[in-house]
Amino acid sequence: MSESTTVATKKRTHSPNLDTIQMIEQTIESNHDFRTATELYNALPRGVQHATFRKVLVYLEESNKIAYDKNGAVFWIFARNKPGLVDLQKNSVPLKK
């Protein structure tokens, strides 16, 4: 078979689905912190492939929803629905240019 008739295969990358991302978010948010990522992984309500789990953690960290301390503990830091947040936003003064 000549090179012109062969089809180049592209490496497919897997992306986590929304249900998986939300499940991990809800687990972290409801428990607030985990001493290790392994502890979080074991606390998930259903199984997730480790590579998918790691990819979701990278996404959550890059979107400023979680943070890690120096020992590797995972913390939820996103301010969604925090008490007083709505009042703070209503009463805040916009920055002037």
N, C-alpha and C. Protein backbone atom coordinates (compact mmCIF):
# COMPACT_ATOMS: atom_id res chain seq x y z
N MET A 1 0.84 -1.17 0.00
CA MET A 1 0.00 0.00 0.00
C MET A 1 0.89 1.23 0.00
N SER A 2 0.61 2.18 -0.85
CA SER A 2 1.45 3.37 -0.94
C SER A 2 1.08 4.37 0.15
N GLU A 3 1.99 5.32 0.37
CA GLU A 3 1.76 6.33 1.40
C GLU A 3 0.53 7.18 1.11
N SER A 4 0.24 7.42 -0.15
CA SER A 4 -0.90 8.28 -0.50
C SER A 4 -2.24 7.63 -0.19
N THR A 5 -2.27 6.30 -0.09
CA THR A 5 -3.54 5.62 0.18
C THR A 5 -3.72 5.27 1.65
N THR A 6 -2.69 5.46 2.46
CA THR A 6 -2.84 5.17 3.88
C THR A 6 -3.47 6.35 4.59
N VAL A 7 -4.23 6.05 5.57
CA VAL A 7 -4.89 7.09 6.36
C VAL A 7 -4.08 7.31 7.62
N ALA A 8 -3.71 8.54 7.83
CA ALA A 8 -2.96 8.86 9.04
C ALA A 8 -3.90 8.79 10.23
N THR A 9 -3.46 8.11 11.25
CA THR A 9 -4.28 8.04 12.46
C THR A 9 -3.80 9.08 13.44
N LYS A 10 -4.75 9.77 14.01
CA LYS A 10 -4.43 10.80 14.99
C LYS A 10 -4.65 10.23 16.39
N LYS A 11 -3.81 10.64 17.29
CA LYS A 11 -3.96 10.21 18.66
C LYS A 11 -5.16 10.92 19.27
N ARG A 12 -6.07 10.15 19.80
CA ARG A 12 -7.27 10.73 20.41
C ARG A 12 -6.99 11.03 21.87
N THR A 13 -7.48 12.16 22.31
CA THR A 13 -7.34 12.50 23.72
C THR A 13 -8.71 12.40 24.37
N HIS A 14 -8.73 11.92 25.57
CA HIS A 14 -9.97 11.75 26.31
C HIS A 14 -10.24 13.01 27.13
N SER A 15 -11.47 13.45 27.12
CA SER A 15 -11.88 14.58 27.95
C SER A 15 -12.94 14.11 28.93
N PRO A 16 -12.83 14.51 30.19
CA PRO A 16 -13.83 14.12 31.18
C PRO A 16 -15.19 14.70 30.81
N ASN A 17 -16.26 13.96 31.11
CA ASN A 17 -17.58 14.50 30.83
C ASN A 17 -18.04 15.37 31.99
N LEU A 18 -19.07 16.15 31.75
CA LEU A 18 -19.55 17.12 32.73
C LEU A 18 -20.00 16.44 34.02
N ASP A 19 -20.65 15.29 33.92
CA ASP A 19 -21.10 14.58 35.12
C ASP A 19 -19.93 14.22 36.03
N THR A 20 -18.83 13.80 35.46
CA THR A 20 -17.65 13.44 36.24
C THR A 20 -17.06 14.66 36.92
N ILE A 21 -16.95 15.76 36.19
CA ILE A 21 -16.41 16.99 36.77
C ILE A 21 -17.29 17.46 37.92
N GLN A 22 -18.61 17.47 37.72
CA GLN A 22 -19.52 17.91 38.77
C GLN A 22 -19.48 16.99 39.98
N MET A 23 -19.35 15.68 39.77
CA MET A 23 -19.28 14.74 40.88
C MET A 23 -18.05 15.03 41.74
N ILE A 24 -16.91 15.27 41.10
CA ILE A 24 -15.68 15.56 41.84
C ILE A 24 -15.80 16.90 42.55
N GLU A 25 -16.35 17.92 41.86
CA GLU A 25 -16.56 19.23 42.49
C GLU A 25 -17.43 19.10 43.73
N GLN A 26 -18.55 18.40 43.62
CA GLN A 26 -19.49 18.27 44.74
C GLN A 26 -18.87 17.51 45.90
N THR A 27 -18.05 16.52 45.61
CA THR A 27 -17.38 15.77 46.67
C THR A 27 -16.41 16.67 47.43
N ILE A 28 -15.64 17.45 46.71
CA ILE A 28 -14.68 18.35 47.37
C ILE A 28 -15.42 19.44 48.13
N GLU A 29 -16.42 20.04 47.48
CA GLU A 29 -17.14 21.16 48.10
C GLU A 29 -17.88 20.73 49.36
N SER A 30 -18.47 19.55 49.35
CA SER A 30 -19.25 19.11 50.51
C SER A 30 -18.36 18.70 51.69
N ASN A 31 -17.15 18.24 51.42
CA ASN A 31 -16.25 17.81 52.49
C ASN A 31 -15.15 18.82 52.78
N HIS A 32 -15.07 19.86 51.98
CA HIS A 32 -14.17 21.01 52.16
C HIS A 32 -12.68 20.73 51.96
N ASP A 33 -12.14 19.70 52.55
CA ASP A 33 -10.71 19.44 52.33
C ASP A 33 -10.40 17.96 52.50
N PHE A 34 -9.36 17.56 51.81
CA PHE A 34 -8.88 16.18 51.88
C PHE A 34 -7.37 16.24 52.09
N ARG A 35 -6.85 15.39 52.94
CA ARG A 35 -5.42 15.41 53.24
C ARG A 35 -4.56 15.05 52.04
N THR A 36 -5.09 14.22 51.15
CA THR A 36 -4.36 13.84 49.94
C THR A 36 -5.33 13.68 48.79
N ALA A 37 -4.81 13.71 47.58
CA ALA A 37 -5.64 13.46 46.40
C ALA A 37 -6.15 12.02 46.42
N THR A 38 -5.38 11.11 46.96
CA THR A 38 -5.81 9.71 47.06
C THR A 38 -7.02 9.58 47.98
N GLU A 39 -7.02 10.33 49.07
CA GLU A 39 -8.17 10.32 49.98
C GLU A 39 -9.42 10.83 49.26
N LEU A 40 -9.27 11.86 48.46
CA LEU A 40 -10.38 12.38 47.66
C LEU A 40 -10.82 11.32 46.66
N TYR A 41 -9.89 10.71 45.96
CA TYR A 41 -10.19 9.68 44.96
C TYR A 41 -11.00 8.55 45.58
N ASN A 42 -10.63 8.13 46.77
CA ASN A 42 -11.33 7.04 47.46
C ASN A 42 -12.69 7.46 47.99
N ALA A 43 -12.93 8.76 48.15
CA ALA A 43 -14.20 9.27 48.67
C ALA A 43 -15.25 9.49 47.58
N LEU A 44 -14.86 9.35 46.32
CA LEU A 44 -15.80 9.59 45.23
C LEU A 44 -16.92 8.55 45.27
N PRO A 45 -18.16 8.98 44.97
CA PRO A 45 -19.29 8.05 45.04
C PRO A 45 -19.28 6.96 43.97
N ARG A 46 -18.58 7.18 42.87
CA ARG A 46 -18.46 6.14 41.84
C ARG A 46 -17.05 6.17 41.28
N GLY A 47 -16.67 5.09 40.65
CA GLY A 47 -15.32 4.95 40.13
C GLY A 47 -15.03 5.87 38.96
N VAL A 48 -13.79 6.34 38.91
CA VAL A 48 -13.30 7.20 37.84
C VAL A 48 -11.90 6.72 37.50
N GLN A 49 -11.56 6.70 36.23
CA GLN A 49 -10.20 6.33 35.86
C GLN A 49 -9.23 7.36 36.42
N HIS A 50 -8.08 6.90 36.84
CA HIS A 50 -7.12 7.78 37.50
C HIS A 50 -6.68 8.93 36.60
N ALA A 51 -6.47 8.67 35.32
CA ALA A 51 -6.06 9.73 34.39
C ALA A 51 -7.15 10.79 34.26
N THR A 52 -8.40 10.37 34.23
CA THR A 52 -9.52 11.31 34.17
C THR A 52 -9.59 12.13 35.44
N PHE A 53 -9.41 11.49 36.58
CA PHE A 53 -9.41 12.16 37.87
C PHE A 53 -8.34 13.24 37.92
N ARG A 54 -7.13 12.90 37.49
CA ARG A 54 -6.03 13.87 37.48
C ARG A 54 -6.32 15.05 36.55
N LYS A 55 -6.90 14.76 35.39
CA LYS A 55 -7.22 15.82 34.44
C LYS A 55 -8.26 16.78 35.03
N VAL A 56 -9.24 16.25 35.76
CA VAL A 56 -10.24 17.09 36.40
C VAL A 56 -9.59 17.95 37.48
N LEU A 57 -8.68 17.39 38.26
CA LEU A 57 -8.00 18.18 39.29
C LEU A 57 -7.20 19.32 38.69
N VAL A 58 -6.55 19.07 37.57
CA VAL A 58 -5.80 20.14 36.88
C VAL A 58 -6.77 21.24 36.44
N TYR A 59 -7.90 20.85 35.86
CA TYR A 59 -8.90 21.82 35.43
C TYR A 59 -9.42 22.64 36.62
N LEU A 60 -9.74 21.98 37.73
CA LEU A 60 -10.27 22.69 38.90
C LEU A 60 -9.24 23.65 39.49
N GLU A 61 -7.98 23.25 39.47
CA GLU A 61 -6.93 24.14 39.98
C GLU A 61 -6.74 25.34 39.05
N GLU A 62 -6.73 25.11 37.75
CA GLU A 62 -6.55 26.20 36.79
C GLU A 62 -7.73 27.16 36.78
N SER A 63 -8.91 26.68 37.15
CA SER A 63 -10.09 27.55 37.19
C SER A 63 -10.31 28.14 38.58
N ASN A 64 -9.31 27.99 39.45
CA ASN A 64 -9.32 28.56 40.81
C ASN A 64 -10.49 28.07 41.65
N LYS A 65 -10.80 26.80 41.55
CA LYS A 65 -11.83 26.20 42.38
C LYS A 65 -11.23 25.39 43.52
N ILE A 66 -10.02 24.86 43.31
CA ILE A 66 -9.33 24.14 44.37
C ILE A 66 -7.91 24.68 44.51
N ALA A 67 -7.32 24.37 45.65
CA ALA A 67 -5.91 24.71 45.88
C ALA A 67 -5.30 23.57 46.68
N TYR A 68 -3.99 23.51 46.66
CA TYR A 68 -3.25 22.50 47.41
C TYR A 68 -2.38 23.22 48.44
N ASP A 69 -2.24 22.62 49.62
CA ASP A 69 -1.28 23.19 50.56
C ASP A 69 0.08 22.53 50.33
N LYS A 70 1.07 22.90 51.13
CA LYS A 70 2.43 22.40 50.91
C LYS A 70 2.54 20.89 51.12
N ASN A 71 1.57 20.30 51.83
CA ASN A 71 1.59 18.86 52.07
C ASN A 71 0.76 18.07 51.06
N GLY A 72 0.14 18.76 50.11
CA GLY A 72 -0.64 18.09 49.09
C GLY A 72 -2.12 17.94 49.39
N ALA A 73 -2.59 18.55 50.49
CA ALA A 73 -4.02 18.50 50.81
C ALA A 73 -4.80 19.32 49.79
N VAL A 74 -6.01 18.85 49.47
CA VAL A 74 -6.86 19.49 48.48
C VAL A 74 -7.94 20.28 49.20
N PHE A 75 -8.09 21.57 48.84
CA PHE A 75 -9.09 22.44 49.46
C PHE A 75 -9.99 23.07 48.41
N TRP A 76 -11.28 23.17 48.71
CA TRP A 76 -12.23 23.88 47.85
C TRP A 76 -12.13 25.36 48.20
N ILE A 77 -11.84 26.23 47.22
CA ILE A 77 -11.68 27.66 47.49
C ILE A 77 -12.64 28.52 46.70
N PHE A 78 -13.44 27.93 45.83
CA PHE A 78 -14.35 28.70 44.99
C PHE A 78 -15.46 29.26 45.87
N ALA A 79 -15.86 30.50 45.62
CA ALA A 79 -16.78 31.22 46.50
C ALA A 79 -18.25 31.09 46.12
N ARG A 80 -18.64 30.05 45.43
CA ARG A 80 -20.04 29.89 45.03
C ARG A 80 -20.93 29.67 46.25
N ASN A 81 -21.97 30.48 46.35
CA ASN A 81 -23.00 30.34 47.38
C ASN A 81 -22.46 30.42 48.81
N LYS A 82 -21.42 31.17 49.02
CA LYS A 82 -20.91 31.35 50.37
C LYS A 82 -21.81 32.33 51.11
N PRO A 83 -22.05 32.12 52.40
CA PRO A 83 -22.89 33.05 53.16
C PRO A 83 -22.30 34.46 53.12
N GLY A 84 -23.14 35.43 52.85
CA GLY A 84 -22.72 36.82 52.82
C GLY A 84 -22.13 37.28 51.50
N LEU A 85 -21.90 36.38 50.56
CA LEU A 85 -21.29 36.76 49.29
C LEU A 85 -22.19 37.68 48.49
N VAL A 86 -23.50 37.39 48.46
CA VAL A 86 -24.44 38.22 47.71
C VAL A 86 -24.48 39.63 48.30
N ASP A 87 -24.55 39.73 49.64
CA ASP A 87 -24.55 41.04 50.29
C ASP A 87 -23.25 41.79 50.03
N LEU A 88 -22.15 41.09 50.05
CA LEU A 88 -20.86 41.71 49.78
C LEU A 88 -20.82 42.28 48.37
N GLN A 89 -21.35 41.53 47.41
CA GLN A 89 -21.38 42.00 46.03
C GLN A 89 -22.30 43.21 45.88
N LYS A 90 -23.45 43.20 46.56
CA LYS A 90 -24.40 44.31 46.46
C LYS A 90 -23.83 45.58 47.08
N ASN A 91 -23.12 45.44 48.18
CA ASN A 91 -22.63 46.60 48.93
C ASN A 91 -21.22 47.04 48.54
N SER A 92 -20.60 46.34 47.61
CA SER A 92 -19.24 46.71 47.24
C SER A 92 -19.23 47.93 46.34
N VAL A 93 -18.15 48.66 46.40
CA VAL A 93 -17.99 49.87 45.60
C VAL A 93 -17.16 49.51 44.36
N PRO A 94 -17.67 49.81 43.17
CA PRO A 94 -16.90 49.49 41.97
C PRO A 94 -15.60 50.30 41.92
N LEU A 95 -14.57 49.69 41.41
CA LEU A 95 -13.30 50.40 41.26
C LEU A 95 -13.41 51.41 40.13
N LYS A 96 -12.85 52.57 40.36
CA LYS A 96 -12.86 53.62 39.33
C LYS A 96 -11.59 53.51 38.51
N LYS A 97 -11.71 53.86 37.24
CA LYS A 97 -10.54 53.82 36.36
C LYS A 97 -9.70 55.05 36.52
